[in-house]
Amino acid sequence: MDDTYPIAFRLGIPKPLSCKVLEGEARIGNTRQCTTDQGYIQQEIVELVENRRLVYQMRDTNVWCRKWVSFLEDTFLLEPEAGERTRVRRITEFRGVKSIPVLSPLALWFSLRQAHRYAAKNWRRLAMENKDQRLAV
């Protein structure tokens, strides 16, 4: 990720830093761990269709907002496009906790939207840098 620190992260939303599969290879049952400036989020890969679809569910986290989340699942859909391009769609499903019925879903929606927008911007930047490097060779 880049070195910027948008306002949402200054207000306490965990800033994404990196993600990796702990076992080294993406497989159903393996753990994807994302590191933020405030801790980690561990997600189990529950569905994988190589180069098409990836689904994972949060299993553990130590970030401060963990008590707001009762369920979190992300789906990535990869759709080939013309010109060796790929469209990536991310679908996030989540439920807040019942003890804070209105506030937790709204806070989660805002927080996830900011973090995912930031990550997507950085993925696009990295993809373009990689493309430029390949073209230069």
N, C-alpha and C. Protein backbone atom coordinates (compact mmCIF):
# COMPACT_ATOMS: atom_id res chain seq x y z
N MET A 1 0.84 -1.18 0.00
CA MET A 1 0.00 0.00 0.00
C MET A 1 0.88 1.24 0.00
N ASP A 2 0.28 2.36 -0.32
CA ASP A 2 1.07 3.58 -0.40
C ASP A 2 1.23 4.22 0.99
N ASP A 3 1.94 5.32 1.03
CA ASP A 3 2.24 5.99 2.30
C ASP A 3 1.20 7.04 2.70
N THR A 4 0.16 7.21 1.89
CA THR A 4 -0.85 8.22 2.23
C THR A 4 -1.63 7.78 3.47
N TYR A 5 -2.24 8.73 4.12
CA TYR A 5 -3.03 8.46 5.33
C TYR A 5 -4.32 9.27 5.25
N PRO A 6 -5.28 8.82 4.41
CA PRO A 6 -6.53 9.56 4.26
C PRO A 6 -7.24 9.81 5.60
N ILE A 7 -8.08 10.80 5.62
CA ILE A 7 -8.74 11.26 6.85
C ILE A 7 -9.49 10.16 7.59
N ALA A 8 -10.13 9.26 6.85
CA ALA A 8 -10.89 8.19 7.51
C ALA A 8 -9.99 7.36 8.43
N PHE A 9 -8.76 7.13 8.01
CA PHE A 9 -7.84 6.35 8.83
C PHE A 9 -7.33 7.16 10.02
N ARG A 10 -7.24 8.45 9.86
CA ARG A 10 -6.86 9.31 10.99
C ARG A 10 -7.95 9.35 12.05
N LEU A 11 -9.19 9.03 11.63
CA LEU A 11 -10.33 9.02 12.57
C LEU A 11 -10.47 7.67 13.28
N GLY A 12 -9.59 6.72 12.96
CA GLY A 12 -9.61 5.46 13.71
C GLY A 12 -9.95 4.22 12.91
N ILE A 13 -10.33 4.36 11.63
CA ILE A 13 -10.59 3.17 10.82
C ILE A 13 -9.24 2.49 10.55
N PRO A 14 -9.17 1.17 10.74
CA PRO A 14 -7.91 0.46 10.49
C PRO A 14 -7.47 0.62 9.03
N LYS A 15 -6.23 1.05 8.82
CA LYS A 15 -5.68 1.24 7.47
C LYS A 15 -5.07 -0.06 6.97
N PRO A 16 -5.53 -0.57 5.82
CA PRO A 16 -4.93 -1.79 5.26
C PRO A 16 -3.46 -1.58 4.93
N LEU A 17 -2.63 -2.57 5.26
CA LEU A 17 -1.21 -2.51 4.94
C LEU A 17 -0.82 -3.61 3.96
N SER A 18 -1.29 -4.84 4.21
CA SER A 18 -0.95 -5.96 3.34
C SER A 18 -1.88 -7.14 3.61
N CYS A 19 -1.92 -8.06 2.65
CA CYS A 19 -2.66 -9.32 2.81
C CYS A 19 -1.83 -10.45 2.22
N LYS A 20 -1.94 -11.63 2.82
CA LYS A 20 -1.24 -12.80 2.30
C LYS A 20 -1.95 -14.06 2.77
N VAL A 21 -1.73 -15.14 2.04
CA VAL A 21 -2.23 -16.45 2.46
C VAL A 21 -1.14 -17.06 3.32
N LEU A 22 -1.46 -17.35 4.57
CA LEU A 22 -0.45 -17.81 5.52
C LEU A 22 0.22 -19.11 5.10
N GLU A 23 -0.55 -19.99 4.48
CA GLU A 23 0.00 -21.28 4.06
C GLU A 23 0.76 -21.18 2.73
N GLY A 24 0.78 -19.98 2.14
CA GLY A 24 1.53 -19.75 0.91
C GLY A 24 0.76 -20.00 -0.36
N GLU A 25 -0.32 -20.75 -0.30
CA GLU A 25 -1.10 -21.07 -1.50
C GLU A 25 -2.59 -20.91 -1.20
N ALA A 26 -3.29 -20.26 -2.11
CA ALA A 26 -4.73 -20.09 -1.95
C ALA A 26 -5.44 -21.42 -2.19
N ARG A 27 -6.05 -21.95 -1.14
CA ARG A 27 -6.84 -23.19 -1.21
C ARG A 27 -7.99 -23.07 -0.23
N ILE A 28 -9.05 -23.78 -0.50
CA ILE A 28 -10.19 -23.81 0.42
C ILE A 28 -9.69 -24.31 1.78
N GLY A 29 -10.07 -23.59 2.82
CA GLY A 29 -9.65 -23.93 4.18
C GLY A 29 -8.42 -23.19 4.64
N ASN A 30 -7.64 -22.64 3.71
CA ASN A 30 -6.45 -21.88 4.09
C ASN A 30 -6.82 -20.49 4.61
N THR A 31 -5.88 -19.84 5.24
CA THR A 31 -6.12 -18.57 5.91
C THR A 31 -5.51 -17.41 5.15
N ARG A 32 -6.34 -16.44 4.84
CA ARG A 32 -5.88 -15.17 4.27
C ARG A 32 -5.79 -14.21 5.45
N GLN A 33 -4.62 -13.62 5.65
CA GLN A 33 -4.46 -12.67 6.75
C GLN A 33 -4.14 -11.30 6.20
N CYS A 34 -4.94 -10.33 6.62
CA CYS A 34 -4.69 -8.94 6.26
C CYS A 34 -4.19 -8.22 7.51
N THR A 35 -3.15 -7.43 7.29
CA THR A 35 -2.56 -6.66 8.36
C THR A 35 -2.96 -5.21 8.18
N THR A 36 -3.35 -4.56 9.26
CA THR A 36 -3.69 -3.14 9.25
C THR A 36 -2.75 -2.42 10.21
N ASP A 37 -2.88 -1.12 10.26
CA ASP A 37 -2.05 -0.37 11.20
C ASP A 37 -2.50 -0.59 12.65
N GLN A 38 -3.60 -1.34 12.83
CA GLN A 38 -4.12 -1.58 14.18
C GLN A 38 -4.22 -3.05 14.55
N GLY A 39 -3.73 -3.92 13.69
CA GLY A 39 -3.81 -5.34 14.01
C GLY A 39 -4.03 -6.18 12.77
N TYR A 40 -4.60 -7.37 12.96
CA TYR A 40 -4.78 -8.31 11.86
C TYR A 40 -6.26 -8.70 11.72
N ILE A 41 -6.57 -9.24 10.55
CA ILE A 41 -7.88 -9.83 10.27
C ILE A 41 -7.59 -11.16 9.58
N GLN A 42 -8.05 -12.26 10.15
CA GLN A 42 -7.85 -13.57 9.54
C GLN A 42 -9.16 -14.05 8.94
N GLN A 43 -9.06 -14.53 7.70
CA GLN A 43 -10.23 -14.96 6.95
C GLN A 43 -9.97 -16.35 6.38
N GLU A 44 -10.97 -17.20 6.45
CA GLU A 44 -10.85 -18.54 5.88
C GLU A 44 -11.35 -18.50 4.44
N ILE A 45 -10.57 -19.10 3.53
CA ILE A 45 -11.02 -19.22 2.14
C ILE A 45 -12.07 -20.32 2.10
N VAL A 46 -13.30 -19.98 1.71
CA VAL A 46 -14.40 -20.95 1.72
C VAL A 46 -14.82 -21.37 0.31
N GLU A 47 -14.41 -20.62 -0.70
CA GLU A 47 -14.70 -20.99 -2.09
C GLU A 47 -13.60 -20.43 -2.97
N LEU A 48 -13.17 -21.24 -3.93
CA LEU A 48 -12.11 -20.80 -4.84
C LEU A 48 -12.30 -21.47 -6.19
N VAL A 49 -12.50 -20.66 -7.20
CA VAL A 49 -12.49 -21.10 -8.59
C VAL A 49 -11.37 -20.30 -9.22
N GLU A 50 -10.25 -20.96 -9.49
CA GLU A 50 -9.05 -20.26 -9.91
C GLU A 50 -9.29 -19.31 -11.09
N ASN A 51 -8.79 -18.10 -10.92
CA ASN A 51 -8.91 -17.02 -11.92
C ASN A 51 -10.34 -16.60 -12.21
N ARG A 52 -11.30 -16.95 -11.32
CA ARG A 52 -12.70 -16.58 -11.53
C ARG A 52 -13.38 -16.04 -10.28
N ARG A 53 -13.20 -16.75 -9.15
CA ARG A 53 -13.99 -16.43 -7.95
C ARG A 53 -13.21 -16.82 -6.69
N LEU A 54 -13.26 -15.91 -5.70
CA LEU A 54 -12.64 -16.16 -4.40
C LEU A 54 -13.61 -15.66 -3.33
N VAL A 55 -13.91 -16.51 -2.37
CA VAL A 55 -14.80 -16.14 -1.26
C VAL A 55 -14.11 -16.49 0.04
N TYR A 56 -14.10 -15.54 0.97
CA TYR A 56 -13.53 -15.82 2.28
C TYR A 56 -14.38 -15.17 3.36
N GLN A 57 -14.32 -15.77 4.55
CA GLN A 57 -15.08 -15.29 5.70
C GLN A 57 -14.13 -14.98 6.85
N MET A 58 -14.43 -13.88 7.54
CA MET A 58 -13.62 -13.50 8.70
C MET A 58 -13.81 -14.53 9.81
N ARG A 59 -12.69 -14.97 10.38
CA ARG A 59 -12.72 -15.93 11.49
C ARG A 59 -12.16 -15.34 12.77
N ASP A 60 -11.19 -14.41 12.63
CA ASP A 60 -10.55 -13.87 13.83
C ASP A 60 -9.97 -12.50 13.51
N THR A 61 -9.95 -11.64 14.50
CA THR A 61 -9.34 -10.32 14.34
C THR A 61 -9.01 -9.77 15.72
N ASN A 62 -8.03 -8.88 15.74
CA ASN A 62 -7.74 -8.19 17.00
C ASN A 62 -7.89 -6.67 16.85
N VAL A 63 -8.50 -6.20 15.77
CA VAL A 63 -8.72 -4.77 15.61
C VAL A 63 -9.85 -4.32 16.54
N TRP A 64 -9.83 -3.06 16.91
CA TRP A 64 -10.72 -2.55 17.95
C TRP A 64 -12.20 -2.71 17.63
N CYS A 65 -12.59 -2.73 16.36
CA CYS A 65 -14.02 -2.78 16.01
C CYS A 65 -14.55 -4.21 15.90
N ARG A 66 -13.78 -5.21 16.33
CA ARG A 66 -14.18 -6.61 16.19
C ARG A 66 -15.50 -6.93 16.87
N LYS A 67 -15.81 -6.23 17.94
CA LYS A 67 -17.04 -6.52 18.68
C LYS A 67 -18.29 -6.00 17.97
N TRP A 68 -18.11 -5.25 16.88
CA TRP A 68 -19.25 -4.75 16.09
C TRP A 68 -19.70 -5.75 15.04
N VAL A 69 -18.86 -6.75 14.72
CA VAL A 69 -19.08 -7.62 13.57
C VAL A 69 -19.52 -9.00 14.02
N SER A 70 -20.67 -9.47 13.50
CA SER A 70 -21.07 -10.85 13.77
C SER A 70 -20.81 -11.74 12.57
N PHE A 71 -20.70 -11.16 11.36
CA PHE A 71 -20.43 -11.93 10.15
C PHE A 71 -19.82 -11.01 9.10
N LEU A 72 -18.78 -11.50 8.42
CA LEU A 72 -18.16 -10.72 7.35
C LEU A 72 -17.65 -11.69 6.29
N GLU A 73 -18.15 -11.51 5.06
CA GLU A 73 -17.74 -12.36 3.94
C GLU A 73 -17.46 -11.48 2.73
N ASP A 74 -16.33 -11.74 2.06
CA ASP A 74 -15.97 -11.03 0.84
C ASP A 74 -15.93 -12.00 -0.32
N THR A 75 -16.48 -11.57 -1.44
CA THR A 75 -16.43 -12.34 -2.68
C THR A 75 -15.74 -11.48 -3.73
N PHE A 76 -14.73 -12.04 -4.38
CA PHE A 76 -14.07 -11.39 -5.50
C PHE A 76 -14.44 -12.15 -6.76
N LEU A 77 -14.95 -11.43 -7.76
CA LEU A 77 -15.28 -12.02 -9.05
C LEU A 77 -14.34 -11.43 -10.08
N LEU A 78 -13.64 -12.27 -10.81
CA LEU A 78 -12.72 -11.83 -11.86
C LEU A 78 -13.36 -12.11 -13.21
N GLU A 79 -13.51 -11.06 -14.00
CA GLU A 79 -14.17 -11.17 -15.29
C GLU A 79 -13.22 -10.69 -16.38
N PRO A 80 -12.81 -11.61 -17.29
CA PRO A 80 -11.90 -11.21 -18.38
C PRO A 80 -12.56 -10.17 -19.28
N GLU A 81 -11.74 -9.21 -19.72
CA GLU A 81 -12.20 -8.19 -20.66
C GLU A 81 -11.22 -8.12 -21.82
N ALA A 82 -11.59 -7.40 -22.84
CA ALA A 82 -10.74 -7.26 -24.02
C ALA A 82 -9.40 -6.62 -23.65
N GLY A 83 -8.39 -6.92 -24.45
CA GLY A 83 -7.09 -6.28 -24.27
C GLY A 83 -6.32 -6.77 -23.07
N GLU A 84 -6.43 -8.04 -22.73
CA GLU A 84 -5.73 -8.62 -21.59
C GLU A 84 -6.03 -7.89 -20.28
N ARG A 85 -7.24 -7.46 -20.15
CA ARG A 85 -7.68 -6.77 -18.93
C ARG A 85 -8.59 -7.70 -18.15
N THR A 86 -8.70 -7.44 -16.86
CA THR A 86 -9.59 -8.20 -15.99
C THR A 86 -10.36 -7.23 -15.12
N ARG A 87 -11.64 -7.40 -15.09
CA ARG A 87 -12.48 -6.59 -14.19
C ARG A 87 -12.62 -7.37 -12.88
N VAL A 88 -12.36 -6.69 -11.77
CA VAL A 88 -12.49 -7.31 -10.45
C VAL A 88 -13.67 -6.66 -9.74
N ARG A 89 -14.62 -7.49 -9.35
CA ARG A 89 -15.75 -6.99 -8.56
C ARG A 89 -15.64 -7.58 -7.16
N ARG A 90 -15.86 -6.73 -6.17
CA ARG A 90 -15.81 -7.16 -4.78
C ARG A 90 -17.19 -6.98 -4.18
N ILE A 91 -17.69 -8.04 -3.59
CA ILE A 91 -19.00 -8.01 -2.92
C ILE A 91 -18.75 -8.35 -1.45
N THR A 92 -19.14 -7.45 -0.58
CA THR A 92 -18.94 -7.66 0.85
C THR A 92 -20.29 -7.80 1.54
N GLU A 93 -20.46 -8.88 2.26
CA GLU A 93 -21.67 -9.08 3.07
C GLU A 93 -21.24 -9.04 4.53
N PHE A 94 -22.02 -8.33 5.34
CA PHE A 94 -21.67 -8.26 6.75
C PHE A 94 -22.94 -8.07 7.58
N ARG A 95 -22.82 -8.44 8.83
CA ARG A 95 -23.87 -8.18 9.81
C ARG A 95 -23.22 -7.61 11.05
N GLY A 96 -23.86 -6.59 11.58
CA GLY A 96 -23.40 -6.04 12.84
C GLY A 96 -23.94 -6.88 13.98
N VAL A 97 -23.56 -6.54 15.17
CA VAL A 97 -24.03 -7.27 16.34
C VAL A 97 -25.42 -6.78 16.73
N LYS A 98 -26.19 -7.66 17.33
CA LYS A 98 -27.57 -7.32 17.70
C LYS A 98 -27.65 -6.34 18.86
N SER A 99 -26.59 -6.26 19.66
CA SER A 99 -26.63 -5.37 20.83
C SER A 99 -26.54 -3.89 20.42
N ILE A 100 -26.07 -3.62 19.22
CA ILE A 100 -26.02 -2.25 18.69
C ILE A 100 -26.66 -2.29 17.30
N PRO A 101 -27.99 -2.45 17.22
CA PRO A 101 -28.64 -2.78 15.95
C PRO A 101 -28.52 -1.74 14.83
N VAL A 102 -28.48 -0.48 15.11
CA VAL A 102 -28.41 0.54 14.05
C VAL A 102 -26.99 1.04 13.86
N LEU A 103 -26.32 1.34 14.94
CA LEU A 103 -24.99 1.94 14.85
C LEU A 103 -23.95 1.01 14.24
N SER A 104 -23.92 -0.26 14.65
CA SER A 104 -22.85 -1.12 14.17
C SER A 104 -22.92 -1.36 12.66
N PRO A 105 -24.08 -1.61 12.04
CA PRO A 105 -24.08 -1.77 10.58
C PRO A 105 -23.68 -0.49 9.84
N LEU A 106 -24.10 0.66 10.32
CA LEU A 106 -23.72 1.92 9.67
C LEU A 106 -22.22 2.18 9.80
N ALA A 107 -21.69 1.99 10.97
CA ALA A 107 -20.25 2.19 11.19
C ALA A 107 -19.44 1.19 10.38
N LEU A 108 -19.90 -0.06 10.33
CA LEU A 108 -19.21 -1.07 9.54
C LEU A 108 -19.25 -0.73 8.06
N TRP A 109 -20.40 -0.33 7.57
CA TRP A 109 -20.54 0.02 6.15
C TRP A 109 -19.55 1.13 5.80
N PHE A 110 -19.53 2.18 6.60
CA PHE A 110 -18.63 3.30 6.33
C PHE A 110 -17.17 2.86 6.40
N SER A 111 -16.81 2.13 7.43
CA SER A 111 -15.43 1.70 7.62
C SER A 111 -14.96 0.78 6.48
N LEU A 112 -15.79 -0.22 6.15
CA LEU A 112 -15.43 -1.14 5.08
C LEU A 112 -15.33 -0.43 3.74
N ARG A 113 -16.24 0.48 3.50
CA ARG A 113 -16.22 1.23 2.24
C ARG A 113 -14.91 2.01 2.09
N GLN A 114 -14.49 2.68 3.16
CA GLN A 114 -13.26 3.46 3.11
C GLN A 114 -12.04 2.55 2.92
N ALA A 115 -11.95 1.48 3.70
CA ALA A 115 -10.80 0.58 3.62
C ALA A 115 -10.74 -0.11 2.26
N HIS A 116 -11.88 -0.58 1.76
CA HIS A 116 -11.89 -1.27 0.48
C HIS A 116 -11.60 -0.32 -0.69
N ARG A 117 -12.09 0.90 -0.62
CA ARG A 117 -11.80 1.89 -1.66
C ARG A 117 -10.30 2.19 -1.70
N TYR A 118 -9.70 2.34 -0.54
CA TYR A 118 -8.27 2.59 -0.44
C TYR A 118 -7.48 1.41 -1.02
N ALA A 119 -7.86 0.18 -0.65
CA ALA A 119 -7.16 -1.00 -1.16
C ALA A 119 -7.31 -1.10 -2.68
N ALA A 120 -8.50 -0.88 -3.20
CA ALA A 120 -8.73 -0.98 -4.65
C ALA A 120 -7.89 0.05 -5.40
N LYS A 121 -7.81 1.26 -4.87
CA LYS A 121 -6.98 2.30 -5.50
C LYS A 121 -5.53 1.85 -5.58
N ASN A 122 -5.04 1.23 -4.51
CA ASN A 122 -3.66 0.76 -4.49
C ASN A 122 -3.45 -0.45 -5.40
N TRP A 123 -4.43 -1.35 -5.48
CA TRP A 123 -4.31 -2.49 -6.40
C TRP A 123 -4.22 -2.00 -7.85
N ARG A 124 -5.05 -1.01 -8.19
CA ARG A 124 -4.99 -0.45 -9.55
C ARG A 124 -3.61 0.16 -9.82
N ARG A 125 -3.10 0.91 -8.86
CA ARG A 125 -1.78 1.53 -9.01
C ARG A 125 -0.70 0.46 -9.20
N LEU A 126 -0.72 -0.57 -8.38
CA LEU A 126 0.28 -1.63 -8.48
C LEU A 126 0.15 -2.40 -9.80
N ALA A 127 -1.07 -2.63 -10.24
CA ALA A 127 -1.28 -3.33 -11.52
C ALA A 127 -0.73 -2.51 -12.68
N MET A 128 -0.94 -1.21 -12.65
CA MET A 128 -0.42 -0.35 -13.72
C MET A 128 1.11 -0.28 -13.68
N GLU A 129 1.69 -0.23 -12.49
CA GLU A 129 3.15 -0.22 -12.37
C GLU A 129 3.72 -1.53 -12.92
N ASN A 130 3.07 -2.65 -12.61
CA ASN A 130 3.52 -3.95 -13.09
C ASN A 130 3.41 -4.01 -14.62
N LYS A 131 2.32 -3.49 -15.16
CA LYS A 131 2.13 -3.47 -16.61
C LYS A 131 3.21 -2.62 -17.27
N ASP A 132 3.49 -1.46 -16.71
CA ASP A 132 4.52 -0.58 -17.26
C ASP A 132 5.89 -1.25 -17.24
N GLN A 133 6.18 -1.99 -16.17
CA GLN A 133 7.47 -2.70 -16.08
C GLN A 133 7.57 -3.79 -17.12
N ARG A 134 6.46 -4.52 -17.35
CA ARG A 134 6.48 -5.58 -18.37
C ARG A 134 6.68 -5.00 -19.76
N LEU A 135 6.06 -3.86 -20.02
CA LEU A 135 6.19 -3.23 -21.33
C LEU A 135 7.58 -2.68 -21.57
N ALA A 136 8.27 -2.29 -20.51
CA ALA A 136 9.61 -1.72 -20.62
C ALA A 136 10.67 -2.78 -20.92
N VAL A 137 10.35 -4.01 -20.65
CA VAL A 137 11.35 -5.10 -20.84
C VAL A 137 11.43 -5.52 -22.27
